[in-house]
Structures are given as C-alpha cells and as structure tokens.
Amino acid sequence: MRLYFDKDVYGWFDDNANGTTTAEKLAYHFSVYERDVVLRNKVDKVVGANYATIGGELRHDVIDVDLKDLVVWDTNNEMDYILEIENFTDRNNNRMFRDYAEFKFGGYASFYIVNDGIKVIPRKYETEIRIQLNTAVDRGIAEDPTNYIFTAKNGARYDVAELGGEIFTEINGKKYSISSSRL
C-alpha cells in the first residue's frame, strides 16, 4: 500500500535503533484493524515499510507499507481493513496526529508468472532476467522500470531505472526481459 503525505515525514521505522525489532518499529507507526477500529480488532498484517523511490529519487512524503495475509473482499466476504498511521513528525519535529486509511483488498492481478517462467541468465557484463506470464500485459506497464523492485542483501531496494537497466517486451506481450550490469 502506498501512502502519500502533504509534506516530508520522518519516522522511527527507518532508524537503526539498537535492541529494537523491526516489528516493534512498525507497530509504533502502523496498525491494521479488521472491519472497525472501535472494536479494536487489531491484526498482525504489516511486515515492512520504506520510503518510496520514484524516478530514482528517495521521497520522504511517500511511504510503501508491505502487508501480508489479507482476505480478498467480495460479496460473500465483505472484509475491509483500516490502517492506523501515527507517530510521524515533519521537518520541524511537529508530531503528526493519528490518521486512518480504510481499504478493501481486491485480490491479486489476473496475470501470473507461469511455471518455470523466470530465467536468470548471467553474462560477462550484465545479467538478464526473462519472465513469462500466462497472458499478455500492457506494454507501457510491462516496460515501466519503476514496476520492478530488487532488494539487495543489505535490505536496500532499487528499481530497474536506478540499476541502469532496460526492459524489453516480446511481440506477444507475454514474455519480457530485464537486463542490467548491476543485477
């Protein structure tokens, strides 16, 4: 889930405080409730959060929150969630009041990677990753380098543009390749 703020915000989740777990840091800023906050149906769904990198620029006014195990909303199961956001500060150390974002999880994309659909091909000067999907996808979306995030061993996250990579889509729209010398 991507959160947009009207100004830069700073939080504890990106701090390297000793003796504090990632879960404790995330809980300081984010809580997820099922159906209603008043009932205090708090559930453990937040697994990560990072400032977003958009167009190669680290943005402190946009935060990506990673969630897990959400129930898909449909007419048979009208599960909705509320994300509680709190304890951020601005540049002047003014504390942000608690805010809420209500959302429904609509499910996963209608396309998926077919069995054995990812091949990593290391070369002398670059690495190529070939991906095959079950159906054709929009070429503009498939070739947008900010749609692919790679996580380094140290936890840093980079999109294809930041890695100086390129994306090529085959004519059928089901197969595409990502290549970079920094993968």
Protein backbone atom coordinates (compact mmCIF):
# COMPACT_ATOMS: atom_id res chain seq x y z
CA MET A 1 0.00 0.00 0.00
CA ARG A 2 1.42 3.38 -0.94
CA LEU A 3 0.77 6.33 1.40
CA TYR A 4 1.11 9.92 0.24
CA PHE A 5 1.66 12.78 2.69
CA ASP A 6 1.36 16.51 2.00
CA LYS A 7 4.93 17.08 3.25
CA ASP A 8 8.03 15.12 4.18
CA VAL A 9 7.54 12.92 7.24
CA TYR A 10 10.07 11.19 9.42
CA GLY A 11 9.61 8.08 11.47
CA TRP A 12 11.28 5.52 13.60
CA PHE A 13 10.77 2.55 11.26
CA ASP A 14 13.77 3.57 9.15
CA ASP A 15 16.00 4.18 12.19
CA ASN A 16 18.69 1.71 13.22
CA ALA A 17 17.97 1.83 16.96
CA ASN A 18 19.81 -0.89 18.87
CA GLY A 19 17.80 -3.57 20.65
CA THR A 20 14.53 -2.81 18.86
CA THR A 21 12.97 -5.28 16.47
CA THR A 22 11.56 -4.34 13.10
CA ALA A 23 8.11 -5.45 14.32
CA GLU A 24 8.30 -3.02 17.26
CA LYS A 25 9.33 -0.18 14.96
CA LEU A 26 6.50 -0.91 12.53
CA ALA A 27 3.93 -1.21 15.34
CA TYR A 28 4.96 2.24 16.58
CA HIS A 29 3.69 3.73 13.29
CA PHE A 30 1.20 1.27 11.75
CA SER A 31 -1.69 -0.86 12.99
CA VAL A 32 -4.23 -2.76 10.92
CA TYR A 33 -7.78 -3.41 12.11
CA GLU A 34 -10.41 -5.66 10.58
CA ARG A 35 -13.80 -4.09 9.90
CA ASP A 36 -13.80 -1.45 12.66
CA VAL A 37 -11.25 0.44 14.78
CA VAL A 38 -13.73 0.93 17.65
CA LEU A 39 -13.98 -2.85 18.15
CA ARG A 40 -10.16 -2.96 18.37
CA ASN A 41 -9.91 -5.96 16.03
CA LYS A 42 -6.19 -5.42 15.61
CA VAL A 43 -4.46 -7.94 13.33
CA ASP A 44 -0.81 -8.57 12.53
CA LYS A 45 -0.59 -7.68 8.82
CA VAL A 46 2.23 -5.11 8.48
CA VAL A 47 5.53 -6.75 7.51
CA GLY A 48 7.53 -3.82 6.21
CA ALA A 49 7.65 -0.14 5.35
CA ASN A 50 10.05 2.02 3.35
CA TYR A 51 10.21 5.48 1.91
CA ALA A 52 9.34 5.20 -1.77
CA THR A 53 11.83 5.76 -4.54
CA ILE A 54 10.11 7.37 -7.51
CA GLY A 55 12.04 8.21 -10.64
CA GLY A 56 15.32 7.47 -8.86
CA GLU A 57 14.54 9.93 -6.05
CA LEU A 58 14.02 8.86 -2.44
CA ARG A 59 10.79 10.55 -1.33
CA HIS A 60 10.06 11.26 2.33
CA ASP A 61 6.46 12.21 1.53
CA VAL A 62 5.59 8.75 0.13
CA ILE A 63 5.78 5.52 2.15
CA ASP A 64 5.24 1.98 0.88
CA VAL A 65 3.71 -0.27 3.53
CA ASP A 66 4.00 -4.02 2.91
CA LEU A 67 1.03 -6.08 4.12
CA LYS A 68 0.52 -9.85 4.33
CA ASP A 69 -2.32 -12.39 4.50
CA LEU A 70 -5.16 -10.07 3.56
CA VAL A 71 -8.58 -11.58 2.89
CA VAL A 72 -9.93 -10.78 -0.57
CA TRP A 73 -13.05 -8.62 -0.44
CA ASP A 74 -16.08 -9.91 -2.36
CA THR A 75 -19.85 -10.09 -1.91
CA ASN A 76 -19.53 -13.32 0.12
CA ASN A 77 -16.85 -11.93 2.39
CA GLU A 78 -17.12 -8.19 2.90
CA MET A 79 -13.84 -7.87 4.78
CA ASP A 80 -12.45 -4.37 4.94
CA TYR A 81 -9.42 -3.07 6.76
CA ILE A 82 -8.36 0.15 8.44
CA LEU A 83 -4.70 1.15 8.53
CA GLU A 84 -3.90 3.37 11.51
CA ILE A 85 -0.95 5.69 10.90
CA GLU A 86 0.66 7.56 13.79
CA ASN A 87 3.79 8.99 15.45
CA PHE A 88 5.43 10.59 12.42
CA THR A 89 6.99 14.05 12.59
CA ASP A 90 7.66 16.72 10.00
CA ARG A 91 10.91 18.57 9.31
CA ASN A 92 10.30 20.90 12.28
CA ASN A 93 9.69 17.97 14.64
CA ASN A 94 5.93 18.65 14.81
CA ARG A 95 4.20 15.38 15.62
CA MET A 96 1.54 14.10 13.23
CA PHE A 97 -1.85 13.27 14.69
CA ARG A 98 -3.25 9.79 14.21
CA ASP A 99 -4.78 9.18 10.80
CA TYR A 100 -6.73 6.29 9.28
CA ALA A 101 -6.93 4.82 5.79
CA GLU A 102 -9.79 2.42 5.10
CA PHE A 103 -9.30 -0.08 2.29
CA LYS A 104 -10.55 -3.31 0.77
CA PHE A 105 -8.18 -5.87 -0.67
CA GLY A 106 -9.40 -6.62 -4.19
CA GLY A 107 -7.19 -9.62 -4.81
CA TYR A 108 -4.23 -10.26 -6.96
CA ALA A 109 -3.66 -9.42 -10.59
CA SER A 110 -5.33 -11.60 -13.22
CA PHE A 111 -1.93 -12.42 -14.68
CA TYR A 112 0.77 -14.54 -13.11
CA ILE A 113 4.18 -15.96 -13.87
CA VAL A 114 3.89 -19.40 -15.47
CA ASN A 115 5.74 -22.43 -14.03
CA ASP A 116 9.45 -22.09 -14.67
CA GLY A 117 8.62 -18.65 -16.10
CA ILE A 118 11.65 -16.87 -14.62
CA LYS A 119 15.10 -17.48 -16.00
CA VAL A 120 18.22 -15.68 -14.79
CA ILE A 121 20.98 -15.53 -17.39
CA PRO A 122 24.30 -14.22 -16.08
CA ARG A 123 26.58 -12.79 -18.76
CA LYS A 124 30.05 -11.29 -18.69
CA TYR A 125 28.95 -7.65 -18.42
CA GLU A 126 25.28 -7.88 -17.45
CA THR A 127 22.58 -10.13 -16.09
CA GLU A 128 19.34 -10.78 -17.92
CA ILE A 129 16.13 -11.91 -16.26
CA ARG A 130 13.49 -13.40 -18.57
CA ILE A 131 9.90 -13.51 -17.35
CA GLN A 132 6.95 -15.28 -18.96
CA LEU A 133 3.33 -14.57 -17.97
CA ASN A 134 0.12 -16.50 -18.61
CA THR A 135 -1.39 -13.62 -20.60
CA ALA A 136 -0.27 -10.51 -22.42
CA VAL A 137 0.07 -7.36 -20.33
CA ASP A 138 0.05 -3.70 -21.29
CA ARG A 139 3.42 -2.86 -22.83
CA GLY A 140 3.62 0.54 -21.08
CA ILE A 141 3.18 -1.11 -17.70
CA ALA A 142 5.50 -4.02 -18.50
CA GLU A 143 8.28 -1.69 -19.64
CA ASP A 144 7.98 0.82 -16.77
CA PRO A 145 11.26 0.37 -14.86
CA THR A 146 9.73 1.53 -11.57
CA ASN A 147 7.42 -1.52 -11.52
CA TYR A 148 10.28 -3.90 -10.69
CA ILE A 149 11.92 -3.67 -7.29
CA PHE A 150 15.06 -5.61 -6.37
CA THR A 151 16.21 -5.94 -2.77
CA ALA A 152 19.95 -6.02 -2.09
CA LYS A 153 21.48 -8.22 0.60
CA ASN A 154 21.72 -5.16 2.88
CA GLY A 155 17.96 -4.54 2.53
CA ALA A 156 18.23 -1.55 0.17
CA ARG A 157 15.57 -1.54 -2.55
CA TYR A 158 16.21 -0.48 -6.16
CA ASP A 159 14.05 -0.31 -9.24
CA VAL A 160 15.34 -1.13 -12.74
CA ALA A 161 15.86 2.55 -13.59
CA GLU A 162 18.10 3.02 -10.53
CA LEU A 163 20.10 -0.01 -11.60
CA GLY A 164 20.59 1.44 -15.07
CA GLY A 165 18.68 -1.44 -16.59
CA GLU A 166 16.40 -1.88 -19.56
CA ILE A 167 13.19 -3.82 -20.17
CA PHE A 168 12.24 -5.40 -23.49
CA THR A 169 8.83 -6.89 -24.28
CA GLU A 170 8.40 -9.54 -26.95
CA ILE A 171 5.74 -9.03 -29.60
CA ASN A 172 3.24 -11.41 -27.94
CA GLY A 173 3.26 -9.31 -24.73
CA LYS A 174 3.66 -12.41 -22.55
CA LYS A 175 7.44 -12.52 -22.41
CA TYR A 176 9.80 -9.78 -21.42
CA SER A 177 13.39 -9.37 -20.31
CA ILE A 178 15.08 -7.16 -17.75
CA SER A 179 18.80 -6.57 -18.18
CA SER A 180 21.35 -4.59 -16.20
CA SER A 181 25.02 -4.69 -15.38
CA ARG A 182 24.10 -4.07 -11.73
CA LEU A 183 21.73 -7.00 -11.11
